[in-house]
Amino acid sequence: MKDDSIAKSTPQFGTVEYKPQGGADQCKSCNQPITGTYFRVNGAMTCSNCAQGVERQLPKDTHQDYVRGIVFGIGGAILGLILYAAFGIITGLVIGYLSLAVGYIVGKAIKMGSGGMGGRRYQIAAALLTYAAVSMAAIPIGLGQYAKQHAKEVKANPPAQMQSQPQQADQPNDPEAARQAEASAKPKHGLGAVLLGLALLGLVSPILELQNPIQGMIGLVILFVGIRIAWQLTAGTAMQIIGPFNQAAPTSVSDRTETG
């Protein structure tokens, strides 16, 4: 009984109610008769005082909330990348369904960092971070598989022993040739260029998977579902306040507030 009384006293703005024939219009929040101007909160008729109270209670999205949400989202993406890559390296299997978990982690992290705020810019960030986490996981997975394969090849075919030192002593001691040999032994590309190349390769890895059409398409669909999960988790609160309207001539004058 107590729960029913609380539910009945709580304003409900999720549904639209129309006045009964022959009755007076009442505010959906305070149940008082409406005279003069009124508003609609998510379609429900509301008096001016209650509409202003709802508007004041709406959370305000700030730049600090957004930045904090992005920072938490990046942390969630890194965590999702580690989990995705670790599973692939340890088991040797790449399961696309882990994209769903990555999307959930990223969406929840952004929501936590922003203090519950959401909206289109949060959704775009969540989608990009989810895609980046899943696609970049291909880099450590590929490196891990290469290392395992190389170790197997070395174990199966041990390298030949180096030639004895006396043979090297017969070679002429040419400083210029030594400098050229040392220069050729140095890597031609810096570490930054290598990392950038790996990052670009990782970002396009879901597209490269289409070389196997069936498996690649399934992976893209699952990735899209994971992105969709992150998108839905970071959606804004649907609260729309429109008005004021004139009770005699219910025509919209302006849109007051719309979030999400």
Protein backbone atom coordinates (compact mmCIF):
# COMPACT_ATOMS: atom_id res chain seq x y z
CA MET A 1 0.00 0.00 0.00
CA LYS A 2 2.83 2.36 0.82
CA ASP A 3 4.50 1.82 -2.55
CA ASP A 4 1.22 2.48 -4.36
CA SER A 5 0.71 5.78 -2.57
CA ILE A 6 4.25 6.90 -3.43
CA ALA A 7 3.82 5.94 -7.08
CA LYS A 8 0.54 7.85 -7.29
CA SER A 9 2.04 11.00 -5.75
CA THR A 10 5.07 11.02 -8.09
CA PRO A 11 4.65 13.16 -11.23
CA GLN A 12 4.51 11.04 -14.37
CA PHE A 13 5.62 12.78 -17.54
CA GLY A 14 6.09 9.71 -19.71
CA THR A 15 2.50 9.62 -20.97
CA VAL A 16 0.10 12.12 -22.41
CA GLU A 17 -3.25 12.62 -20.73
CA TYR A 18 -6.08 14.59 -22.23
CA LYS A 19 -8.81 16.26 -20.25
CA PRO A 20 -12.09 14.39 -20.04
CA GLN A 21 -15.06 15.83 -21.84
CA GLY A 22 -16.78 18.45 -19.74
CA GLY A 23 -13.96 18.58 -17.11
CA ALA A 24 -11.36 21.20 -16.26
CA ASP A 25 -7.74 20.86 -17.29
CA GLN A 26 -5.46 19.81 -14.44
CA CYS A 27 -1.72 19.95 -13.96
CA LYS A 28 -0.16 16.52 -14.30
CA SER A 29 2.24 17.30 -11.43
CA CYS A 30 0.19 19.10 -8.76
CA ASN A 31 -3.33 18.14 -9.96
CA GLN A 32 -4.44 21.75 -9.65
CA PRO A 33 -6.77 23.32 -12.25
CA ILE A 34 -4.93 25.12 -15.01
CA THR A 35 -5.97 28.65 -15.88
CA GLY A 36 -4.30 30.90 -18.42
CA THR A 37 -1.02 29.60 -19.81
CA TYR A 38 0.42 26.13 -19.39
CA PHE A 39 3.29 23.96 -20.64
CA ARG A 40 3.69 20.37 -21.80
CA VAL A 41 6.36 18.25 -20.13
CA ASN A 42 6.94 15.23 -22.36
CA GLY A 43 3.47 15.87 -23.71
CA ALA A 44 1.75 16.08 -20.31
CA MET A 45 -0.14 19.29 -19.47
CA THR A 46 1.67 21.14 -16.67
CA CYS A 47 1.11 24.46 -14.95
CA SER A 48 3.72 27.20 -15.20
CA ASN A 49 5.04 26.75 -11.65
CA CYS A 50 5.56 23.01 -11.99
CA ALA A 51 7.14 23.36 -15.45
CA GLN A 52 9.62 25.89 -14.10
CA GLY A 53 10.39 23.58 -11.18
CA VAL A 54 11.09 20.67 -13.53
CA GLU A 55 13.29 22.89 -15.67
CA ARG A 56 15.35 23.95 -12.65
CA GLN A 57 15.86 20.32 -11.63
CA LEU A 58 17.17 19.23 -15.03
CA PRO A 59 20.92 18.44 -14.86
CA LYS A 60 23.12 20.95 -16.66
CA ASP A 61 25.70 19.58 -19.05
CA THR A 62 29.02 21.36 -18.57
CA HIS A 63 32.39 21.29 -20.31
CA GLN A 64 33.96 19.73 -17.21
CA ASP A 65 31.42 16.89 -17.29
CA TYR A 66 32.22 16.22 -20.93
CA VAL A 67 36.00 16.26 -20.45
CA ARG A 68 35.75 13.97 -17.42
CA GLY A 69 33.48 11.64 -19.37
CA ILE A 70 35.97 11.47 -22.24
CA VAL A 71 38.86 10.75 -19.86
CA PHE A 72 36.89 7.92 -18.25
CA GLY A 73 35.88 6.71 -21.70
CA ILE A 74 39.50 6.54 -22.84
CA GLY A 75 40.31 4.53 -19.71
CA GLY A 76 37.42 2.19 -20.47
CA ALA A 77 38.60 1.81 -24.08
CA ILE A 78 42.12 0.92 -22.91
CA LEU A 79 40.69 -1.63 -20.48
CA GLY A 80 38.50 -3.11 -23.20
CA LEU A 81 41.47 -3.26 -25.59
CA ILE A 82 43.57 -5.10 -22.98
CA LEU A 83 40.83 -7.63 -22.27
CA TYR A 84 40.16 -8.20 -25.97
CA ALA A 85 43.86 -8.58 -26.83
CA ALA A 86 44.70 -10.69 -23.78
CA PHE A 87 41.99 -13.19 -24.60
CA GLY A 88 43.19 -13.44 -28.20
CA ILE A 89 46.85 -13.83 -27.24
CA ILE A 90 46.26 -16.38 -24.48
CA THR A 91 43.73 -18.55 -26.29
CA GLY A 92 44.81 -17.92 -29.86
CA LEU A 93 41.17 -17.22 -30.71
CA VAL A 94 39.72 -13.90 -31.84
CA ILE A 95 36.06 -13.82 -30.80
CA GLY A 96 34.15 -10.87 -32.20
CA TYR A 97 31.52 -11.08 -29.48
CA LEU A 98 34.00 -9.44 -27.13
CA SER A 99 33.16 -6.23 -29.01
CA LEU A 100 29.87 -6.20 -27.11
CA ALA A 101 31.73 -6.18 -23.78
CA VAL A 102 34.03 -3.40 -25.00
CA GLY A 103 31.06 -1.24 -26.01
CA TYR A 104 29.43 -1.80 -22.62
CA ILE A 105 32.64 -0.90 -20.74
CA VAL A 106 33.19 2.27 -22.77
CA GLY A 107 29.57 3.41 -22.44
CA LYS A 108 29.47 2.81 -18.69
CA ALA A 109 32.83 4.54 -18.21
CA ILE A 110 31.69 7.68 -20.03
CA LYS A 111 28.42 7.74 -18.11
CA MET A 112 30.30 7.36 -14.82
CA GLY A 113 32.81 10.07 -15.63
CA SER A 114 30.18 12.58 -16.77
CA GLY A 115 28.12 12.10 -13.64
CA GLY A 116 25.23 10.52 -15.53
CA MET A 117 25.14 13.09 -18.32
CA GLY A 118 24.53 11.98 -21.88
CA GLY A 119 23.72 13.32 -25.29
CA ARG A 120 24.81 13.28 -28.90
CA ARG A 121 28.42 14.36 -28.31
CA TYR A 122 28.83 11.67 -25.63
CA GLN A 123 27.38 9.10 -28.03
CA ILE A 124 29.78 10.06 -30.82
CA ALA A 125 32.75 9.80 -28.45
CA ALA A 126 31.55 6.40 -27.19
CA ALA A 127 31.18 5.06 -30.73
CA LEU A 128 34.66 6.24 -31.78
CA LEU A 129 36.34 4.89 -28.64
CA THR A 130 34.62 1.51 -28.99
CA TYR A 131 35.73 1.18 -32.61
CA ALA A 132 39.27 2.26 -31.76
CA ALA A 133 39.56 -0.19 -28.86
CA VAL A 134 38.34 -3.19 -30.87
CA SER A 135 40.31 -2.39 -34.03
CA MET A 136 43.57 -1.53 -32.24
CA ALA A 137 43.42 -4.81 -30.33
CA ALA A 138 44.43 -6.46 -33.61
CA ILE A 139 47.98 -5.08 -33.17
CA PRO A 140 49.00 -6.89 -29.95
CA ILE A 141 47.09 -9.97 -31.08
CA GLY A 142 49.00 -10.02 -34.37
CA LEU A 143 52.34 -9.42 -32.65
CA GLY A 144 51.61 -12.17 -30.15
CA GLN A 145 50.72 -14.66 -32.87
CA TYR A 146 53.86 -13.72 -34.83
CA ALA A 147 56.05 -14.21 -31.75
CA LYS A 148 54.55 -17.65 -31.09
CA GLN A 149 55.02 -18.70 -34.71
CA HIS A 150 58.59 -17.41 -34.80
CA ALA A 151 59.43 -19.27 -31.59
CA LYS A 152 58.09 -22.51 -33.10
CA GLU A 153 60.16 -22.05 -36.27
CA VAL A 154 63.34 -21.33 -34.31
CA LYS A 155 62.76 -24.38 -32.13
CA ALA A 156 62.16 -26.59 -35.17
CA ASN A 157 65.10 -25.19 -37.16
CA PRO A 158 67.91 -23.94 -34.88
CA PRO A 159 70.15 -21.33 -36.56
CA ALA A 160 73.57 -22.48 -37.77
CA GLN A 161 76.57 -21.73 -35.57
CA MET A 162 78.52 -18.61 -36.40
CA GLN A 163 81.79 -19.00 -38.23
CA SER A 164 84.94 -19.03 -36.17
CA GLN A 165 86.79 -15.82 -35.41
CA PRO A 166 89.92 -16.64 -37.46
CA GLN A 167 87.94 -16.25 -40.68
CA GLN A 168 86.88 -12.77 -39.60
CA ALA A 169 90.49 -11.91 -38.89
CA ASP A 170 91.34 -12.49 -42.56
CA GLN A 171 88.96 -9.67 -43.60
CA PRO A 172 90.58 -6.27 -44.16
CA ASN A 173 90.17 -3.68 -41.44
CA ASP A 174 88.43 -0.92 -43.43
CA PRO A 175 86.97 1.90 -41.23
CA GLU A 176 84.80 3.25 -44.07
CA ALA A 177 83.29 -0.16 -44.74
CA ALA A 178 82.64 -0.57 -41.03
CA ARG A 179 80.80 2.76 -40.91
CA GLN A 180 78.67 1.84 -43.92
CA ALA A 181 77.83 -1.53 -42.40
CA GLU A 182 76.84 0.15 -39.14
CA ALA A 183 74.67 2.70 -40.95
CA SER A 184 72.89 -0.01 -42.93
CA ALA A 185 72.23 -1.95 -39.74
CA LYS A 186 70.32 0.98 -38.18
CA PRO A 187 66.55 1.01 -38.70
CA LYS A 188 65.45 3.25 -41.56
CA HIS A 189 62.31 4.45 -39.76
CA GLY A 190 62.02 6.03 -36.35
CA LEU A 191 59.95 4.63 -33.52
CA GLY A 192 57.25 7.24 -34.05
CA ALA A 193 56.78 6.29 -37.69
CA VAL A 194 56.59 2.61 -36.78
CA LEU A 195 53.98 3.23 -34.09
CA LEU A 196 51.96 5.44 -36.43
CA GLY A 197 52.02 2.76 -39.10
CA LEU A 198 50.87 0.13 -36.61
CA ALA A 199 48.07 2.42 -35.39
CA LEU A 200 46.81 3.01 -38.93
CA LEU A 201 47.02 -0.70 -39.66
CA GLY A 202 45.01 -1.43 -36.52
CA LEU A 203 42.31 1.11 -37.36
CA VAL A 204 41.70 -0.43 -40.77
CA SER A 205 41.96 -4.02 -39.50
CA PRO A 206 38.14 -4.57 -39.42
CA ILE A 207 38.04 -3.61 -43.10
CA LEU A 208 41.00 -5.84 -43.93
CA GLU A 209 39.12 -8.75 -42.40
CA LEU A 210 36.79 -8.55 -45.41
CA GLN A 211 39.43 -10.47 -47.33
CA ASN A 212 37.52 -13.37 -45.83
CA PRO A 213 34.04 -12.07 -46.82
CA ILE A 214 31.87 -14.18 -44.51
CA GLN A 215 34.02 -13.95 -41.40
CA GLY A 216 34.83 -10.30 -42.03
CA MET A 217 31.19 -9.30 -42.48
CA ILE A 218 30.16 -11.14 -39.31
CA GLY A 219 32.90 -9.34 -37.41
CA LEU A 220 31.74 -5.95 -38.70
CA VAL A 221 28.14 -6.66 -37.73
CA ILE A 222 29.15 -7.67 -34.20
CA LEU A 223 31.36 -4.57 -33.94
CA PHE A 224 28.41 -2.43 -35.00
CA VAL A 225 26.29 -3.99 -32.27
CA GLY A 226 29.00 -3.21 -29.71
CA ILE A 227 29.09 0.39 -30.92
CA ARG A 228 25.30 0.48 -30.69
CA ILE A 229 25.47 -0.62 -27.04
CA ALA A 230 27.88 2.21 -26.23
CA TRP A 231 25.63 4.63 -28.15
CA GLN A 232 22.53 3.67 -26.20
CA LEU A 233 24.28 3.78 -22.82
CA THR A 234 25.41 7.37 -23.41
CA ALA A 235 22.05 8.69 -24.61
CA GLY A 236 20.69 11.81 -22.94
CA THR A 237 17.70 12.02 -20.63
CA ALA A 238 14.52 12.48 -22.63
CA MET A 239 12.84 15.45 -20.97
CA GLN A 240 11.09 17.98 -23.20
CA ILE A 241 9.39 21.11 -21.96
CA ILE A 242 7.52 23.10 -24.58
CA GLY A 243 5.33 26.15 -24.27
CA PRO A 244 3.85 28.34 -23.07
CA PHE A 245 0.44 27.63 -24.52
CA ASN A 246 -2.70 29.64 -24.10
CA GLN A 247 -5.52 27.56 -22.69
CA ALA A 248 -8.08 29.30 -24.87
CA ALA A 249 -5.99 28.91 -28.02
CA PRO A 250 -3.44 26.09 -27.50
CA THR A 251 -0.74 27.20 -29.93
CA SER A 252 2.94 26.69 -29.19
CA VAL A 253 4.84 29.91 -28.62
CA SER A 254 8.35 28.61 -27.99
CA ASP A 255 10.40 25.57 -27.04
CA ARG A 256 11.75 25.99 -23.52
CA THR A 257 14.01 23.05 -22.84
CA GLU A 258 15.01 19.82 -24.53
CA THR A 259 17.82 17.59 -23.36
CA GLY A 260 19.19 14.44 -24.89
